[in-house]
């Protein structure tokens, strides 16, 4: 297994296939932002497969396809099939805003994607429009139905909880997830770039306590995807809640992941600047052993923890540049 200098096993790679998105969520991409990576700097499918194969040979067992919006990358199911076929890879998943999911869910499932996380911050069209910049809710709902029909499971709803924006929608979203058998994951907003810093932060600790009492939730120790969420479940098993609390209760001590951006930059921490560029090495003919050594060298840069609370103005890059 890959291990960093703090003894954490790195077995999870979040792979951004594009930094572009068809939405402009207020906490992610600033209004008017156009500084996207040029296509000639995107890793090709061959380069992506080579990097992922190297990670898998070093013990990585989970890969999540992210963006931007990953379904904007042409022929994504083809890439998914190539990655799913890598010996040793146990879990291939996708995070999406679901606007394109109705067209691609079946092909993704057949390619080997097992499960999907869908970003959805409200069930009110006017709220979704205000957050995302588009009246996208009907497309998202169609995408969720297509994902269910394609057998993708579990389907998780990622809801960034924002004070005085969608805070009042949380219990409605709980009811929606119970009715549809979805897992709800509440996420605290992170101060990434100006867009993230301008988002109305909501501490999820009191929210969790209210939901725990309201729905009789019990803590779960069972594994549900290898990410940072802490999970709770109702006694009857009808509802599962995940909470991701990078600000109020960070999880840095157990961080098991790194992120590969569309241009081949490895980011060791979502909230720090440490990075390692793989694209120049790939395009200069690095050997397979050299690539393995480079990945090991990169992992040594992984910091002990982020500083979102202590230094919220530190990080300039926005979420879509890093990869979700």
C-alpha atoms as a PDB file:
ATOM      1  CA  UNK A   1       0.000   0.000   0.000  1.00  0.00           C
ATOM      2  CA  UNK A   2       0.999   3.592  -0.595  1.00  0.00           C
ATOM      3  CA  UNK A   3       1.636   5.314   2.711  1.00  0.00           C
ATOM      4  CA  UNK A   4       2.355   8.965   3.378  1.00  0.00           C
ATOM      5  CA  UNK A   5       4.849  10.219   5.968  1.00  0.00           C
ATOM      6  CA  UNK A   6       2.107  10.274   8.618  1.00  0.00           C
ATOM      7  CA  UNK A   7       1.329   6.581   8.196  1.00  0.00           C
ATOM      8  CA  UNK A   8      -1.937   7.038   6.285  1.00  0.00           C
ATOM      9  CA  UNK A   9      -2.670   4.471   3.573  1.00  0.00           C
ATOM     10  CA  UNK A  10      -3.574   6.117   0.261  1.00  0.00           C
ATOM     11  CA  UNK A  11      -6.023   3.793  -1.442  1.00  0.00           C
ATOM     12  CA  UNK A  12      -8.468   6.230  -3.043  1.00  0.00           C
ATOM     13  CA  UNK A  13      -7.899   8.320  -6.186  1.00  0.00           C
ATOM     14  CA  UNK A  14     -10.336  11.026  -7.206  1.00  0.00           C
ATOM     15  CA  UNK A  15      -9.876  11.515 -10.942  1.00  0.00           C
ATOM     16  CA  UNK A  16     -11.040  14.732 -12.611  1.00  0.00           C
ATOM     17  CA  UNK A  17     -11.677  14.233 -16.324  1.00  0.00           C
ATOM     18  CA  UNK A  18     -12.583  17.898 -16.959  1.00  0.00           C
ATOM     19  CA  UNK A  19     -12.587  21.173 -15.058  1.00  0.00           C
ATOM     20  CA  UNK A  20     -15.566  22.428 -17.081  1.00  0.00           C
ATOM     21  CA  UNK A  21     -19.168  22.361 -15.973  1.00  0.00           C
ATOM     22  CA  UNK A  22     -22.566  23.223 -17.418  1.00  0.00           C
ATOM     23  CA  UNK A  23     -23.635  24.757 -14.079  1.00  0.00           C
ATOM     24  CA  UNK A  24     -22.204  27.625 -12.059  1.00  0.00           C
ATOM     25  CA  UNK A  25     -22.813  26.608  -8.459  1.00  0.00           C
ATOM     26  CA  UNK A  26     -22.241  29.581  -6.194  1.00  0.00           C
ATOM     27  CA  UNK A  27     -19.774  27.715  -3.939  1.00  0.00           C
ATOM     28  CA  UNK A  28     -17.710  26.259  -6.780  1.00  0.00           C
ATOM     29  CA  UNK A  29     -17.150  28.386  -9.896  1.00  0.00           C
ATOM     30  CA  UNK A  30     -17.185  32.203  -9.661  1.00  0.00           C
ATOM     31  CA  UNK A  31     -19.510  34.098 -11.973  1.00  0.00           C
ATOM     32  CA  UNK A  32     -17.755  35.005 -15.209  1.00  0.00           C
ATOM     33  CA  UNK A  33     -14.915  32.522 -14.646  1.00  0.00           C
ATOM     34  CA  UNK A  34     -13.375  31.449 -17.977  1.00  0.00           C
ATOM     35  CA  UNK A  35      -9.875  30.329 -17.028  1.00  0.00           C
ATOM     36  CA  UNK A  36     -10.457  26.659 -17.829  1.00  0.00           C
ATOM     37  CA  UNK A  37      -7.651  24.314 -18.826  1.00  0.00           C
ATOM     38  CA  UNK A  38      -6.974  24.112 -22.566  1.00  0.00           C
ATOM     39  CA  UNK A  39      -7.893  20.734 -24.114  1.00  0.00           C
ATOM     40  CA  UNK A  40      -4.333  20.085 -25.293  1.00  0.00           C
ATOM     41  CA  UNK A  41      -3.320  19.991 -21.635  1.00  0.00           C
ATOM     42  CA  UNK A  42      -5.958  17.434 -20.655  1.00  0.00           C
ATOM     43  CA  UNK A  43      -4.615  13.979 -19.970  1.00  0.00           C
ATOM     44  CA  UNK A  44      -5.620  11.635 -22.777  1.00  0.00           C
ATOM     45  CA  UNK A  45      -7.485   8.424 -22.025  1.00  0.00           C
ATOM     46  CA  UNK A  46      -4.245   6.500 -22.583  1.00  0.00           C
ATOM     47  CA  UNK A  47      -2.410   8.717 -20.104  1.00  0.00           C
ATOM     48  CA  UNK A  48      -5.218   8.474 -17.563  1.00  0.00           C
ATOM     49  CA  UNK A  49      -5.305   4.692 -17.830  1.00  0.00           C
ATOM     50  CA  UNK A  50      -1.545   4.518 -17.379  1.00  0.00           C
ATOM     51  CA  UNK A  51      -1.604   6.679 -14.241  1.00  0.00           C
ATOM     52  CA  UNK A  52      -4.548   4.830 -12.723  1.00  0.00           C
ATOM     53  CA  UNK A  53      -2.922   1.469 -13.488  1.00  0.00           C
ATOM     54  CA  UNK A  54       0.194   2.661 -11.657  1.00  0.00           C
ATOM     55  CA  UNK A  55      -1.860   3.727  -8.645  1.00  0.00           C
ATOM     56  CA  UNK A  56      -3.682   0.390  -8.623  1.00  0.00           C
ATOM     57  CA  UNK A  57      -0.401  -1.508  -8.740  1.00  0.00           C
ATOM     58  CA  UNK A  58       0.617   0.478  -5.640  1.00  0.00           C
ATOM     59  CA  UNK A  59      -2.489  -0.545  -3.742  1.00  0.00           C
ATOM     60  CA  UNK A  60      -5.154   1.982  -4.744  1.00  0.00           C
ATOM     61  CA  UNK A  61      -8.483   0.175  -4.781  1.00  0.00           C
ATOM     62  CA  UNK A  62     -11.003   2.959  -5.381  1.00  0.00           C
ATOM     63  CA  UNK A  63     -11.327   5.471  -8.186  1.00  0.00           C
ATOM     64  CA  UNK A  64     -14.009   8.150  -8.439  1.00  0.00           C
ATOM     65  CA  UNK A  65     -14.607  10.003 -11.709  1.00  0.00           C
ATOM     66  CA  UNK A  66     -15.136  13.705 -11.027  1.00  0.00           C
ATOM     67  CA  UNK A  67     -14.948  17.147 -12.621  1.00  0.00           C
ATOM     68  CA  UNK A  68     -16.100  19.904 -13.108  1.00  0.00           C
ATOM     69  CA  UNK A  69     -18.909  17.865 -14.584  1.00  0.00           C
ATOM     70  CA  UNK A  70     -17.370  14.554 -15.730  1.00  0.00           C
ATOM     71  CA  UNK A  71     -20.180  13.743 -18.163  1.00  0.00           C
ATOM     72  CA  UNK A  72     -19.058  16.678 -20.319  1.00  0.00           C
ATOM     73  CA  UNK A  73     -15.942  14.657 -21.220  1.00  0.00           C
ATOM     74  CA  UNK A  74     -16.665  12.961 -24.526  1.00  0.00           C
ATOM     75  CA  UNK A  75     -16.785   9.145 -24.482  1.00  0.00           C
ATOM     76  CA  UNK A  76     -16.554   8.928 -20.697  1.00  0.00           C
ATOM     77  CA  UNK A  77     -18.161   5.440 -20.623  1.00  0.00           C
ATOM     78  CA  UNK A  78     -15.296   4.247 -22.830  1.00  0.00           C
ATOM     79  CA  UNK A  79     -12.754   5.467 -20.288  1.00  0.00           C
ATOM     80  CA  UNK A  80     -14.806   3.978 -17.461  1.00  0.00           C
ATOM     81  CA  UNK A  81     -14.707   0.585 -19.165  1.00  0.00           C
ATOM     82  CA  UNK A  82     -10.944   0.737 -19.540  1.00  0.00           C
ATOM     83  CA  UNK A  83     -10.462   1.630 -15.888  1.00  0.00           C
ATOM     84  CA  UNK A  84     -12.967  -0.917 -14.594  1.00  0.00           C
ATOM     85  CA  UNK A  85     -10.999  -3.651 -16.398  1.00  0.00           C
ATOM     86  CA  UNK A  86      -7.766  -2.896 -14.509  1.00  0.00           C
ATOM     87  CA  UNK A  87      -6.844  -5.899 -12.329  1.00  0.00           C
ATOM     88  CA  UNK A  88      -7.039  -4.951  -8.668  1.00  0.00           C
ATOM     89  CA  UNK A  89      -9.413  -2.007  -8.981  1.00  0.00           C
ATOM     90  CA  UNK A  90     -12.355  -2.828  -6.721  1.00  0.00           C
ATOM     91  CA  UNK A  91     -14.580   0.230  -6.902  1.00  0.00           C
ATOM     92  CA  UNK A  92     -15.278   2.671  -9.746  1.00  0.00           C
ATOM     93  CA  UNK A  93     -17.787   5.423  -8.986  1.00  0.00           C
ATOM     94  CA  UNK A  94     -18.923   8.794 -10.316  1.00  0.00           C
ATOM     95  CA  UNK A  95     -19.824  12.200  -8.907  1.00  0.00           C
ATOM     96  CA  UNK A  96     -22.083  14.233 -11.188  1.00  0.00           C
ATOM     97  CA  UNK A  97     -24.577  17.083 -11.230  1.00  0.00           C
ATOM     98  CA  UNK A  98     -26.833  14.662 -13.182  1.00  0.00           C
ATOM     99  CA  UNK A  99     -27.875  17.113 -15.899  1.00  0.00           C
ATOM    100  CA  UNK A 100     -26.441  14.684 -18.481  1.00  0.00           C
ATOM    101  CA  UNK A 101     -26.993  11.483 -16.518  1.00  0.00           C
ATOM    102  CA  UNK A 102     -30.241  10.406 -18.206  1.00  0.00           C
ATOM    103  CA  UNK A 103     -28.320   9.977 -21.485  1.00  0.00           C
ATOM    104  CA  UNK A 104     -25.339   8.159 -20.010  1.00  0.00           C
ATOM    105  CA  UNK A 105     -26.450   6.143 -16.971  1.00  0.00           C
ATOM    106  CA  UNK A 106     -26.980   2.860 -18.791  1.00  0.00           C
ATOM    107  CA  UNK A 107     -23.683   3.040 -20.687  1.00  0.00           C
ATOM    108  CA  UNK A 108     -21.803   3.916 -17.495  1.00  0.00           C
ATOM    109  CA  UNK A 109     -23.340   0.978 -15.663  1.00  0.00           C
ATOM    110  CA  UNK A 110     -22.457  -1.411 -18.479  1.00  0.00           C
ATOM    111  CA  UNK A 111     -18.919  -0.014 -18.512  1.00  0.00           C
ATOM    112  CA  UNK A 112     -18.392  -0.896 -14.851  1.00  0.00           C
ATOM    113  CA  UNK A 113     -19.371   2.176 -12.829  1.00  0.00           C
ATOM    114  CA  UNK A 114     -21.050   0.758  -9.717  1.00  0.00           C
ATOM    115  CA  UNK A 115     -22.502   3.747  -7.907  1.00  0.00           C
ATOM    116  CA  UNK A 116     -23.117   7.443  -8.277  1.00  0.00           C
ATOM    117  CA  UNK A 117     -23.175  10.574  -6.118  1.00  0.00           C
ATOM    118  CA  UNK A 118     -25.476  13.325  -7.382  1.00  0.00           C
ATOM    119  CA  UNK A 119     -25.033  16.952  -6.352  1.00  0.00           C
ATOM    120  CA  UNK A 120     -28.451  18.362  -5.444  1.00  0.00           C
ATOM    121  CA  UNK A 121     -28.790  21.190  -2.934  1.00  0.00           C
ATOM    122  CA  UNK A 122     -32.575  21.687  -2.885  1.00  0.00           C
ATOM    123  CA  UNK A 123     -35.835  20.343  -4.253  1.00  0.00           C
ATOM    124  CA  UNK A 124     -37.151  23.868  -4.890  1.00  0.00           C
ATOM    125  CA  UNK A 125     -36.628  24.906  -8.509  1.00  0.00           C
ATOM    126  CA  UNK A 126     -36.099  28.546  -7.606  1.00  0.00           C
ATOM    127  CA  UNK A 127     -33.444  27.600  -5.048  1.00  0.00           C
ATOM    128  CA  UNK A 128     -31.657  25.263  -7.456  1.00  0.00           C
ATOM    129  CA  UNK A 129     -31.748  27.982 -10.097  1.00  0.00           C
ATOM    130  CA  UNK A 130     -30.277  30.515  -7.676  1.00  0.00           C
ATOM    131  CA  UNK A 131     -27.462  28.169  -6.567  1.00  0.00           C
ATOM    132  CA  UNK A 132     -26.564  26.636  -9.948  1.00  0.00           C
ATOM    133  CA  UNK A 133     -27.421  29.475 -12.321  1.00  0.00           C
ATOM    134  CA  UNK A 134     -29.797  27.247 -14.294  1.00  0.00           C
ATOM    135  CA  UNK A 135     -33.257  25.735 -14.013  1.00  0.00           C
ATOM    136  CA  UNK A 136     -31.647  22.299 -13.881  1.00  0.00           C
ATOM    137  CA  UNK A 137     -33.910  20.422 -11.445  1.00  0.00           C
ATOM    138  CA  UNK A 138     -36.017  18.565 -14.075  1.00  0.00           C
ATOM    139  CA  UNK A 139     -32.855  17.251 -15.750  1.00  0.00           C
ATOM    140  CA  UNK A 140     -31.431  16.150 -12.407  1.00  0.00           C
ATOM    141  CA  UNK A 141     -34.626  14.276 -11.530  1.00  0.00           C
ATOM    142  CA  UNK A 142     -34.551  12.515 -14.900  1.00  0.00           C
ATOM    143  CA  UNK A 143     -30.923  11.601 -14.274  1.00  0.00           C
ATOM    144  CA  UNK A 144     -31.746  10.102 -10.888  1.00  0.00           C
ATOM    145  CA  UNK A 145     -34.465   7.933 -12.403  1.00  0.00           C
ATOM    146  CA  UNK A 146     -32.104   6.789 -15.149  1.00  0.00           C
ATOM    147  CA  UNK A 147     -29.434   5.914 -12.591  1.00  0.00           C
ATOM    148  CA  UNK A 148     -31.924   3.814 -10.639  1.00  0.00           C
ATOM    149  CA  UNK A 149     -33.109   2.057 -13.800  1.00  0.00           C
ATOM    150  CA  UNK A 150     -29.498   1.329 -14.792  1.00  0.00           C
ATOM    151  CA  UNK A 151     -28.889  -0.416 -11.455  1.00  0.00           C
ATOM    152  CA  UNK A 152     -26.398   2.085 -10.058  1.00  0.00           C
ATOM    153  CA  UNK A 153     -26.456   1.602  -6.289  1.00  0.00           C
ATOM    154  CA  UNK A 154     -26.269   3.150  -3.834  1.00  0.00           C
ATOM    155  CA  UNK A 155     -27.367   6.522  -5.158  1.00  0.00           C
ATOM    156  CA  UNK A 156     -26.150   9.251  -2.837  1.00  0.00           C
ATOM    157  CA  UNK A 157     -27.397  12.830  -2.815  1.00  0.00           C
ATOM    158  CA  UNK A 158     -24.671  15.381  -2.038  1.00  0.00           C
ATOM    159  CA  UNK A 159     -26.238  18.480  -0.468  1.00  0.00           C
ATOM    160  CA  UNK A 160     -24.002  21.419   0.402  1.00  0.00           C
ATOM    161  CA  UNK A 161     -25.823  22.916   3.374  1.00  0.00           C
ATOM    162  CA  UNK A 162     -25.765  26.720   3.437  1.00  0.00           C
ATOM    163  CA  UNK A 163     -27.076  28.997   6.157  1.00  0.00           C
ATOM    164  CA  UNK A 164     -30.207  30.924   5.113  1.00  0.00           C
ATOM    165  CA  UNK A 165     -29.944  29.484   1.579  1.00  0.00           C
ATOM    166  CA  UNK A 166     -31.106  25.861   1.725  1.00  0.00           C
ATOM    167  CA  UNK A 167     -30.898  25.177   5.462  1.00  0.00           C
ATOM    168  CA  UNK A 168     -34.693  24.990   5.677  1.00  0.00           C
ATOM    169  CA  UNK A 169     -34.766  22.383   2.872  1.00  0.00           C
ATOM    170  CA  UNK A 170     -32.835  19.705   4.751  1.00  0.00           C
ATOM    171  CA  UNK A 171     -35.807  17.857   6.267  1.00  0.00           C
ATOM    172  CA  UNK A 172     -37.609  17.948   2.895  1.00  0.00           C
ATOM    173  CA  UNK A 173     -34.535  16.355   1.328  1.00  0.00           C
ATOM    174  CA  UNK A 174     -34.526  13.718   4.067  1.00  0.00           C
ATOM    175  CA  UNK A 175     -38.116  12.812   3.184  1.00  0.00           C
ATOM    176  CA  UNK A 176     -37.241  12.659  -0.513  1.00  0.00           C
ATOM    177  CA  UNK A 177     -34.322  10.311   0.151  1.00  0.00           C
ATOM    178  CA  UNK A 178     -36.418   8.072   2.408  1.00  0.00           C
ATOM    179  CA  UNK A 179     -39.136   7.838  -0.251  1.00  0.00           C
ATOM    180  CA  UNK A 180     -36.631   6.946  -2.978  1.00  0.00           C
ATOM    181  CA  UNK A 181     -34.123   4.827  -1.075  1.00  0.00           C
ATOM    182  CA  UNK A 182     -31.313   7.336  -1.590  1.00  0.00           C
ATOM    183  CA  UNK A 183     -28.512   8.090   0.866  1.00  0.00           C
ATOM    184  CA  UNK A 184     -28.340  11.759   1.888  1.00  0.00           C
ATOM    185  CA  UNK A 185     -24.933  13.324   2.490  1.00  0.00           C
ATOM    186  CA  UNK A 186     -24.806  16.786   4.036  1.00  0.00           C
ATOM    187  CA  UNK A 187     -21.615  18.714   3.318  1.00  0.00           C
ATOM    188  CA  UNK A 188     -20.165  21.807   4.951  1.00  0.00           C
ATOM    189  CA  UNK A 189     -19.086  24.531   2.529  1.00  0.00           C
ATOM    190  CA  UNK A 190     -15.317  24.945   2.225  1.00  0.00           C
ATOM    191  CA  UNK A 191     -13.432  28.238   1.697  1.00  0.00           C
ATOM    192  CA  UNK A 192     -11.901  27.329  -1.668  1.00  0.00           C
ATOM    193  CA  UNK A 193     -11.356  30.440  -3.770  1.00  0.00           C
ATOM    194  CA  UNK A 194     -13.554  33.522  -3.561  1.00  0.00           C
ATOM    195  CA  UNK A 195     -16.652  31.506  -4.445  1.00  0.00           C
ATOM    196  CA  UNK A 196     -16.159  29.156  -1.506  1.00  0.00           C
ATOM    197  CA  UNK A 197     -15.277  31.929   0.932  1.00  0.00           C
ATOM    198  CA  UNK A 198     -18.410  33.860  -0.015  1.00  0.00           C
ATOM    199  CA  UNK A 199     -20.664  30.870   0.711  1.00  0.00           C
ATOM    200  CA  UNK A 200     -22.802  31.084   3.855  1.00  0.00           C
ATOM    201  CA  UNK A 201     -21.209  28.447   6.109  1.00  0.00           C
ATOM    202  CA  UNK A 202     -23.480  26.217   8.188  1.00  0.00           C
ATOM    203  CA  UNK A 203     -22.086  24.184  11.097  1.00  0.00           C
ATOM    204  CA  UNK A 204     -23.502  20.679  10.645  1.00  0.00           C
ATOM    205  CA  UNK A 205     -22.988  19.524  14.229  1.00  0.00           C
ATOM    206  CA  UNK A 206     -26.297  20.973  15.572  1.00  0.00           C
ATOM    207  CA  UNK A 207     -28.040  19.914  12.347  1.00  0.00           C
ATOM    208  CA  UNK A 208     -26.863  16.341  12.878  1.00  0.00           C
ATOM    209  CA  UNK A 209     -28.098  16.379  16.474  1.00  0.00           C
ATOM    210  CA  UNK A 210     -31.536  17.595  15.391  1.00  0.00           C
ATOM    211  CA  UNK A 211     -31.810  14.924  12.705  1.00  0.00           C
ATOM    212  CA  UNK A 212     -30.516  12.252  15.063  1.00  0.00           C
ATOM    213  CA  UNK A 213     -33.312  12.987  17.518  1.00  0.00           C
ATOM    214  CA  UNK A 214     -35.974  13.561  14.870  1.00  0.00           C
ATOM    215  CA  UNK A 215     -35.349  10.312  12.972  1.00  0.00           C
ATOM    216  CA  UNK A 216     -33.799   8.111  15.677  1.00  0.00           C
ATOM    217  CA  UNK A 217     -30.465   7.844  13.883  1.00  0.00           C
ATOM    218  CA  UNK A 218     -27.770   5.482  15.115  1.00  0.00           C
ATOM    219  CA  UNK A 219     -24.063   5.728  14.208  1.00  0.00           C
ATOM    220  CA  UNK A 220     -22.853   3.271  11.586  1.00  0.00           C
ATOM    221  CA  UNK A 221     -19.388   1.779  11.399  1.00  0.00           C
ATOM    222  CA  UNK A 222     -20.010  -0.125   8.179  1.00  0.00           C
ATOM    223  CA  UNK A 223     -17.970   0.892   5.142  1.00  0.00           C
ATOM    224  CA  UNK A 224     -19.873   3.030   2.622  1.00  0.00           C
ATOM    225  CA  UNK A 225     -17.473   4.084  -0.085  1.00  0.00           C
ATOM    226  CA  UNK A 226     -14.172   4.880   1.582  1.00  0.00           C
ATOM    227  CA  UNK A 227     -14.667   8.645   1.695  1.00  0.00           C
ATOM    228  CA  UNK A 228     -14.765  11.142   4.567  1.00  0.00           C
ATOM    229  CA  UNK A 229     -18.452  10.928   5.525  1.00  0.00           C
ATOM    230  CA  UNK A 230     -19.580   9.721   8.942  1.00  0.00           C
ATOM    231  CA  UNK A 231     -22.780   7.710   8.542  1.00  0.00           C
ATOM    232  CA  UNK A 232     -25.938   7.383  10.620  1.00  0.00           C
ATOM    233  CA  UNK A 233     -28.948   5.125   9.998  1.00  0.00           C
ATOM    234  CA  UNK A 234     -32.504   4.957  11.242  1.00  0.00           C
ATOM    235  CA  UNK A 235     -33.360   1.943  13.406  1.00  0.00           C
ATOM    236  CA  UNK A 236     -35.621   0.513  10.685  1.00  0.00           C
ATOM    237  CA  UNK A 237     -32.887   0.903   8.059  1.00  0.00           C
ATOM    238  CA  UNK A 238     -35.090   3.104   5.880  1.00  0.00           C
ATOM    239  CA  UNK A 239     -32.779   6.111   5.938  1.00  0.00           C
ATOM    240  CA  UNK A 240     -29.019   6.605   5.874  1.00  0.00           C
ATOM    241  CA  UNK A 241     -27.408   9.978   6.486  1.00  0.00           C
ATOM    242  CA  UNK A 242     -23.809  10.924   5.869  1.00  0.00           C
ATOM    243  CA  UNK A 243     -22.208  14.097   7.175  1.00  0.00           C
ATOM    244  CA  UNK A 244     -18.994  15.604   5.782  1.00  0.00           C
ATOM    245  CA  UNK A 245     -17.646  18.200   8.188  1.00  0.00           C
ATOM    246  CA  UNK A 246     -14.251  19.533   7.054  1.00  0.00           C
ATOM    247  CA  UNK A 247     -14.666  22.670   9.166  1.00  0.00           C
ATOM    248  CA  UNK A 248     -16.513  21.724  12.360  1.00  0.00           C
ATOM    249  CA  UNK A 249     -14.922  18.267  12.752  1.00  0.00           C
ATOM    250  CA  UNK A 250     -12.159  17.604  10.265  1.00  0.00           C
ATOM    251  CA  UNK A 251     -11.104  14.084   9.295  1.00  0.00           C
ATOM    252  CA  UNK A 252      -7.514  14.726   8.221  1.00  0.00           C
ATOM    253  CA  UNK A 253      -6.034  12.033  10.476  1.00  0.00           C
ATOM    254  CA  UNK A 254      -7.732   9.318   8.398  1.00  0.00           C
ATOM    255  CA  UNK A 255      -7.468  10.925   4.942  1.00  0.00           C
ATOM    256  CA  UNK A 256      -6.890   8.148   2.427  1.00  0.00           C
ATOM    257  CA  UNK A 257      -7.083  10.000  -0.902  1.00  0.00           C
ATOM    258  CA  UNK A 258      -5.389  12.248  -3.407  1.00  0.00           C
ATOM    259  CA  UNK A 259      -6.803  14.051  -6.440  1.00  0.00           C
ATOM    260  CA  UNK A 260      -5.627  13.986 -10.044  1.00  0.00           C
ATOM    261  CA  UNK A 261      -6.739  17.041 -12.012  1.00  0.00           C
ATOM    262  CA  UNK A 262      -7.568  17.034 -15.712  1.00  0.00           C
ATOM    263  CA  UNK A 263      -4.120  18.452 -16.567  1.00  0.00           C
ATOM    264  CA  UNK A 264      -2.290  15.685 -14.705  1.00  0.00           C
ATOM    265  CA  UNK A 265      -1.549  17.572 -11.487  1.00  0.00           C
ATOM    266  CA  UNK A 266      -1.743  15.499  -8.322  1.00  0.00           C
ATOM    267  CA  UNK A 267      -3.156  17.470  -5.393  1.00  0.00           C
ATOM    268  CA  UNK A 268      -2.359  15.924  -2.046  1.00  0.00           C
ATOM    269  CA  UNK A 269      -4.932  17.865  -0.016  1.00  0.00           C
ATOM    270  CA  UNK A 270      -8.107  19.694  -0.954  1.00  0.00           C
ATOM    271  CA  UNK A 271      -7.184  22.544   1.384  1.00  0.00           C
ATOM    272  CA  UNK A 272      -3.442  22.920   0.784  1.00  0.00           C
ATOM    273  CA  UNK A 273      -1.177  23.848  -2.137  1.00  0.00           C
ATOM    274  CA  UNK A 274       1.090  20.780  -2.262  1.00  0.00           C
ATOM    275  CA  UNK A 275       0.973  19.306  -5.770  1.00  0.00           C
ATOM    276  CA  UNK A 276       2.999  17.238  -8.226  1.00  0.00           C
ATOM    277  CA  UNK A 277       2.815  17.475 -12.033  1.00  0.00           C
ATOM    278  CA  UNK A 278       2.652  14.154 -13.837  1.00  0.00           C
ATOM    279  CA  UNK A 279       1.826  15.363 -17.355  1.00  0.00           C
ATOM    280  CA  UNK A 280       5.366  16.559 -18.219  1.00  0.00           C
ATOM    281  CA  UNK A 281       6.733  13.208 -17.099  1.00  0.00           C
ATOM    282  CA  UNK A 282       4.179  11.255 -19.090  1.00  0.00           C
ATOM    283  CA  UNK A 283       4.855  13.240 -22.241  1.00  0.00           C
ATOM    284  CA  UNK A 284       8.630  13.004 -21.912  1.00  0.00           C
ATOM    285  CA  UNK A 285       8.543   9.192 -22.020  1.00  0.00           C
ATOM    286  CA  UNK A 286       8.896   8.265 -18.356  1.00  0.00           C
ATOM    287  CA  UNK A 287       9.260   4.528 -17.737  1.00  0.00           C
ATOM    288  CA  UNK A 288       6.709   2.511 -15.804  1.00  0.00           C
ATOM    289  CA  UNK A 289       9.109   2.246 -12.870  1.00  0.00           C
ATOM    290  CA  UNK A 290       9.805   5.953 -13.078  1.00  0.00           C
ATOM    291  CA  UNK A 291       6.082   6.670 -12.896  1.00  0.00           C
ATOM    292  CA  UNK A 292       5.723   4.505  -9.800  1.00  0.00           C
ATOM    293  CA  UNK A 293       8.643   6.316  -8.183  1.00  0.00           C
ATOM    294  CA  UNK A 294       7.122   9.695  -9.087  1.00  0.00           C
ATOM    295  CA  UNK A 295       3.824   8.761  -7.453  1.00  0.00           C
ATOM    296  CA  UNK A 296       5.626   7.656  -4.300  1.00  0.00           C
ATOM    297  CA  UNK A 297       7.529  10.953  -4.312  1.00  0.00           C
ATOM    298  CA  UNK A 298       4.280  12.875  -4.698  1.00  0.00           C
ATOM    299  CA  UNK A 299       2.618  11.099  -1.783  1.00  0.00           C
ATOM    300  CA  UNK A 300       5.495  12.214   0.454  1.00  0.00           C
ATOM    301  CA  UNK A 301       4.260  15.794  -0.070  1.00  0.00           C
ATOM    302  CA  UNK A 302       0.856  15.107   1.472  1.00  0.00           C
ATOM    303  CA  UNK A 303       0.418  17.500   4.431  1.00  0.00           C
ATOM    304  CA  UNK A 304      -0.836  16.469   7.835  1.00  0.00           C
ATOM    305  CA  UNK A 305      -4.044  18.520   7.589  1.00  0.00           C
ATOM    306  CA  UNK A 306      -5.778  21.468   5.956  1.00  0.00           C
ATOM    307  CA  UNK A 307      -6.129  24.933   7.488  1.00  0.00           C
ATOM    308  CA  UNK A 308      -9.642  25.852   6.408  1.00  0.00           C
ATOM    309  CA  UNK A 309     -10.543  27.160   9.856  1.00  0.00           C
ATOM    310  CA  UNK A 310      -7.214  28.725  10.806  1.00  0.00           C
ATOM    311  CA  UNK A 311      -6.440  30.304   7.431  1.00  0.00           C
ATOM    312  CA  UNK A 312      -9.612  30.459   5.303  1.00  0.00           C
ATOM    313  CA  UNK A 313      -8.114  32.924   2.830  1.00  0.00           C
ATOM    314  CA  UNK A 314      -5.112  30.758   1.984  1.00  0.00           C
ATOM    315  CA  UNK A 315      -6.426  28.753  -0.954  1.00  0.00           C
ATOM    316  CA  UNK A 316      -6.850  30.625  -4.231  1.00  0.00           C
ATOM    317  CA  UNK A 317      -7.763  27.795  -6.596  1.00  0.00           C
ATOM    318  CA  UNK A 318     -11.438  26.934  -6.952  1.00  0.00           C
ATOM    319  CA  UNK A 319     -13.002  23.507  -6.512  1.00  0.00           C
ATOM    320  CA  UNK A 320     -13.430  22.724 -10.216  1.00  0.00           C
ATOM    321  CA  UNK A 321      -9.696  23.282 -10.815  1.00  0.00           C
ATOM    322  CA  UNK A 322      -8.792  20.673  -8.193  1.00  0.00           C
ATOM    323  CA  UNK A 323     -11.434  18.100  -9.001  1.00  0.00           C
ATOM    324  CA  UNK A 324     -14.403  17.235  -6.811  1.00  0.00           C
END
